[in-house]
Amino acid sequence: MTELLVASRNLKKLAELRRVLDAAGISGLELLSLDDVAAFDEAPETGATFEENALAKARDAFMATGLASVADDSGLEVDALNRMPGVLSARWAGVHGEDAANTALLLAQLRDVPDGRRGGAFVSSCALVYGDGDVQKDVVVRGLWRGVIAREPRGDGGFGYDPVFIPEGSSRTAAELTPEEKDAASHRGRALALLVPALRELL
């Protein structure tokens, strides 16, 4: 069994990666979270792009543990807000991870925006860092999931901005989709699927 460190404490992200691996027929990878390894100094997310943040997190985890490490940085880009909140998505209201407050602020900012201009996209960049000795390999991929921003939250699945994001071609929010439906279409599902060839290399 090959260990793969997911540089996150979000168990929903681990579960999502596990479902993607299962769908791709990949077995033999044991997924670990940051709670499963000795604590180390994690660099703050100061990158200007999702790719920079994801790669920094994966490199920190790999350097600290020696384990192949995958990290994701994701967020919501809203057209009417000049693609914000972007990399600030998780702390849009000022405190990291306050989903309800972040969503409420976003809806308030879009209150007067007409339906035809409420487009946006979830973006996920995933980075995989692995290697032996002095040889380090970096793989960075991006997944995009377009849709529109609803006027009020609906659904109790998912996390983050899922209750106000209606994917293209759907009448339901991301929080109203089943986990399997979300994996098949979501930004993170798409990015993780692009990592599958590199993950096969680990085995």
Protein backbone atom coordinates (compact mmCIF):
# COMPACT_ATOMS: atom_id res chain seq x y z
CA MET A 1 0.00 0.00 0.00
CA THR A 2 1.42 3.38 -1.05
CA GLU A 3 0.70 6.31 1.25
CA LEU A 4 -0.56 9.56 -0.27
CA LEU A 5 -0.84 12.61 1.96
CA VAL A 6 -3.76 14.90 1.22
CA ALA A 7 -2.56 18.25 2.59
CA SER A 8 -5.87 19.11 4.21
CA ARG A 9 -7.89 18.44 7.35
CA ASN A 10 -11.13 18.52 5.38
CA LEU A 11 -12.37 14.94 5.44
CA LYS A 12 -14.86 15.72 2.67
CA LYS A 13 -11.90 16.39 0.35
CA LEU A 14 -10.38 13.02 1.25
CA ALA A 15 -13.69 11.31 0.58
CA GLU A 16 -13.97 13.08 -2.78
CA LEU A 17 -10.49 11.94 -3.83
CA ARG A 18 -11.28 8.39 -2.70
CA ARG A 19 -14.40 8.34 -4.89
CA VAL A 20 -12.42 9.63 -7.89
CA LEU A 21 -9.75 6.95 -7.35
CA ASP A 22 -12.41 4.26 -7.03
CA ALA A 23 -14.10 5.43 -10.24
CA ALA A 24 -10.74 5.28 -12.04
CA GLY A 25 -10.11 1.77 -10.73
CA ILE A 26 -7.06 2.83 -8.72
CA SER A 27 -6.42 0.77 -5.61
CA GLY A 28 -3.33 0.49 -3.47
CA LEU A 29 -3.26 4.12 -2.32
CA GLU A 30 -3.78 4.80 1.38
CA LEU A 31 -5.00 8.37 1.84
CA LEU A 32 -3.73 10.29 4.87
CA SER A 33 -4.79 13.73 6.08
CA LEU A 34 -2.73 16.31 7.93
CA ASP A 35 -4.24 14.94 11.14
CA ASP A 36 -2.50 11.61 10.44
CA VAL A 37 1.06 12.98 10.35
CA ALA A 38 3.27 14.92 12.74
CA ALA A 39 2.50 18.64 12.77
CA PHE A 40 4.70 20.91 10.67
CA ASP A 41 4.79 24.60 9.84
CA GLU A 42 2.31 25.26 7.07
CA ALA A 43 3.02 28.30 4.93
CA PRO A 44 0.18 30.83 4.74
CA GLU A 45 -1.82 30.92 1.52
CA THR A 46 -0.35 34.10 0.06
CA GLY A 47 -0.21 33.12 -3.63
CA ALA A 48 -1.93 35.28 -6.21
CA THR A 49 -3.35 32.21 -7.97
CA PHE A 50 -4.93 28.92 -7.00
CA GLU A 51 -2.01 27.11 -8.65
CA GLU A 52 0.59 28.92 -6.52
CA ASN A 53 -1.25 28.11 -3.29
CA ALA A 54 -1.86 24.47 -4.16
CA LEU A 55 1.78 23.89 -5.15
CA ALA A 56 3.08 25.61 -2.01
CA LYS A 57 0.88 23.43 0.20
CA ALA A 58 1.88 20.22 -1.57
CA ARG A 59 5.60 21.09 -1.47
CA ASP A 60 5.44 21.93 2.25
CA ALA A 61 3.77 18.62 2.99
CA PHE A 62 6.22 16.63 0.86
CA MET A 63 9.28 18.33 2.36
CA ALA A 64 8.02 17.85 5.91
CA THR A 65 6.95 14.22 5.62
CA GLY A 66 8.70 12.71 2.60
CA LEU A 67 5.32 11.37 1.50
CA ALA A 68 3.84 11.94 -1.93
CA SER A 69 1.50 14.85 -1.29
CA VAL A 70 -1.49 16.31 -3.04
CA ALA A 71 -3.04 19.67 -2.23
CA ASP A 72 -5.90 21.66 -3.63
CA ASP A 73 -6.73 25.33 -3.62
CA SER A 74 -10.16 26.20 -4.83
CA GLY A 75 -12.70 28.95 -4.79
CA LEU A 76 -15.42 30.82 -6.58
CA GLU A 77 -14.86 33.41 -9.30
CA VAL A 78 -17.89 35.63 -9.93
CA ASP A 79 -18.03 37.51 -13.23
CA ALA A 80 -19.83 40.56 -11.83
CA LEU A 81 -17.22 40.89 -9.05
CA ASN A 82 -14.22 40.87 -11.43
CA ARG A 83 -13.63 37.16 -10.65
CA MET A 84 -13.59 37.70 -6.92
CA PRO A 85 -13.66 36.28 -4.27
CA GLY A 86 -11.16 34.01 -6.07
CA VAL A 87 -8.25 32.98 -3.86
CA LEU A 88 -9.95 34.83 -0.97
CA SER A 89 -13.07 32.65 -1.16
CA ALA A 90 -12.55 30.83 2.15
CA ARG A 91 -12.09 34.08 4.06
CA TRP A 92 -14.26 36.48 2.05
CA ALA A 93 -16.14 37.67 5.14
CA GLY A 94 -12.92 38.05 7.14
CA VAL A 95 -12.64 34.75 9.03
CA HIS A 96 -11.30 31.61 7.34
CA GLY A 97 -13.85 28.88 6.82
CA GLU A 98 -16.99 30.76 7.90
CA ASP A 99 -19.14 29.34 5.10
CA ALA A 100 -22.44 30.97 6.12
CA ALA A 101 -20.86 34.41 6.58
CA ASN A 102 -18.96 34.18 3.29
CA THR A 103 -22.11 33.17 1.42
CA ALA A 104 -24.22 35.89 3.05
CA LEU A 105 -21.69 38.57 2.08
CA LEU A 106 -21.52 37.30 -1.49
CA LEU A 107 -25.31 37.36 -1.86
CA ALA A 108 -25.46 40.87 -0.40
CA GLN A 109 -22.87 42.07 -2.93
CA LEU A 110 -24.91 40.54 -5.78
CA ARG A 111 -28.32 41.67 -4.52
CA ASP A 112 -28.84 44.19 -7.35
CA VAL A 113 -27.16 42.15 -10.08
CA PRO A 114 -29.76 40.90 -12.62
CA ASP A 115 -30.15 37.20 -13.35
CA GLY A 116 -28.41 37.46 -16.72
CA ARG A 117 -25.20 38.74 -15.16
CA ARG A 118 -24.83 36.32 -12.22
CA GLY A 119 -22.43 33.95 -13.96
CA GLY A 120 -19.34 32.53 -12.34
CA ALA A 121 -17.22 29.45 -11.95
CA PHE A 122 -15.82 27.22 -9.27
CA VAL A 123 -12.09 26.75 -9.84
CA SER A 124 -9.87 24.04 -8.36
CA SER A 125 -6.14 23.71 -8.81
CA CYS A 126 -4.61 20.46 -7.57
CA ALA A 127 -0.90 19.90 -7.14
CA LEU A 128 0.88 16.60 -6.66
CA VAL A 129 4.48 16.57 -5.40
CA TYR A 130 6.44 13.33 -5.14
CA GLY A 131 9.87 11.91 -5.76
CA ASP A 132 12.85 9.92 -4.55
CA GLY A 133 16.05 11.41 -3.20
CA ASP A 134 16.93 14.60 -5.06
CA VAL A 135 14.39 14.02 -7.83
CA GLN A 136 11.18 15.90 -7.12
CA LYS A 137 8.24 15.92 -9.51
CA ASP A 138 5.48 18.54 -9.54
CA VAL A 139 2.19 18.10 -11.38
CA VAL A 140 -0.36 20.93 -11.33
CA VAL A 141 -3.81 20.74 -12.94
CA ARG A 142 -6.91 22.97 -13.04
CA GLY A 143 -10.61 22.11 -13.12
CA LEU A 144 -13.39 24.58 -13.95
CA TRP A 145 -17.13 24.30 -13.24
CA ARG A 146 -19.28 27.10 -14.67
CA GLY A 147 -22.68 28.14 -13.45
CA VAL A 148 -24.70 31.01 -11.99
CA ILE A 149 -25.16 32.37 -8.49
CA ALA A 150 -28.60 31.78 -6.96
CA ARG A 151 -30.40 34.48 -4.98
CA GLU A 152 -30.70 32.35 -1.84
CA PRO A 153 -29.08 29.17 -0.49
CA ARG A 154 -30.68 25.80 -1.30
CA GLY A 155 -29.65 22.31 -0.23
CA ASP A 156 -27.65 20.90 2.65
CA GLY A 157 -25.00 18.87 0.86
CA GLY A 158 -21.46 19.93 0.02
CA PHE A 159 -19.76 22.88 1.69
CA GLY A 160 -18.57 26.41 1.02
CA TYR A 161 -20.60 28.21 -1.65
CA ASP A 162 -22.30 25.02 -2.91
CA PRO A 163 -25.80 26.11 -1.72
CA VAL A 164 -25.77 29.21 -3.97
CA PHE A 165 -24.04 27.77 -7.06
CA ILE A 166 -26.27 26.43 -9.84
CA PRO A 167 -24.15 24.53 -12.38
CA GLU A 168 -24.71 25.07 -16.10
CA GLY A 169 -27.46 22.80 -17.38
CA SER A 170 -28.93 22.21 -13.93
CA SER A 171 -31.82 23.68 -11.97
CA ARG A 172 -30.37 22.43 -8.68
CA THR A 173 -27.59 23.97 -6.64
CA ALA A 174 -24.35 22.08 -6.04
CA ALA A 175 -25.61 21.45 -2.49
CA GLU A 176 -28.65 19.63 -3.90
CA LEU A 177 -26.60 17.18 -6.00
CA THR A 178 -25.66 13.70 -4.80
CA PRO A 179 -21.94 13.17 -4.07
CA GLU A 180 -21.68 11.06 -7.24
CA GLU A 181 -23.34 13.74 -9.39
CA LYS A 182 -21.04 16.38 -7.95
CA ASP A 183 -17.89 14.28 -8.48
CA ALA A 184 -18.79 13.75 -12.13
CA ALA A 185 -19.05 17.46 -12.86
CA SER A 186 -17.35 19.52 -10.15
CA HIS A 187 -14.22 21.61 -10.45
CA ARG A 188 -12.36 19.46 -7.91
CA GLY A 189 -13.62 16.24 -9.47
CA ARG A 190 -12.39 17.42 -12.87
CA ALA A 191 -9.00 18.48 -11.50
CA LEU A 192 -8.53 15.26 -9.53
CA ALA A 193 -9.43 13.23 -12.62
CA LEU A 194 -6.63 15.03 -14.49
CA LEU A 195 -4.23 13.87 -11.76
CA VAL A 196 -5.13 10.19 -12.23
CA PRO A 197 -2.29 9.43 -14.73
CA ALA A 198 0.29 10.84 -12.31
CA LEU A 199 -1.28 9.00 -9.38
CA ARG A 200 -0.97 5.75 -11.34
CA GLU A 201 2.78 6.47 -11.58
CA LEU A 202 3.00 6.40 -7.79
CA LEU A 203 1.95 2.76 -7.90
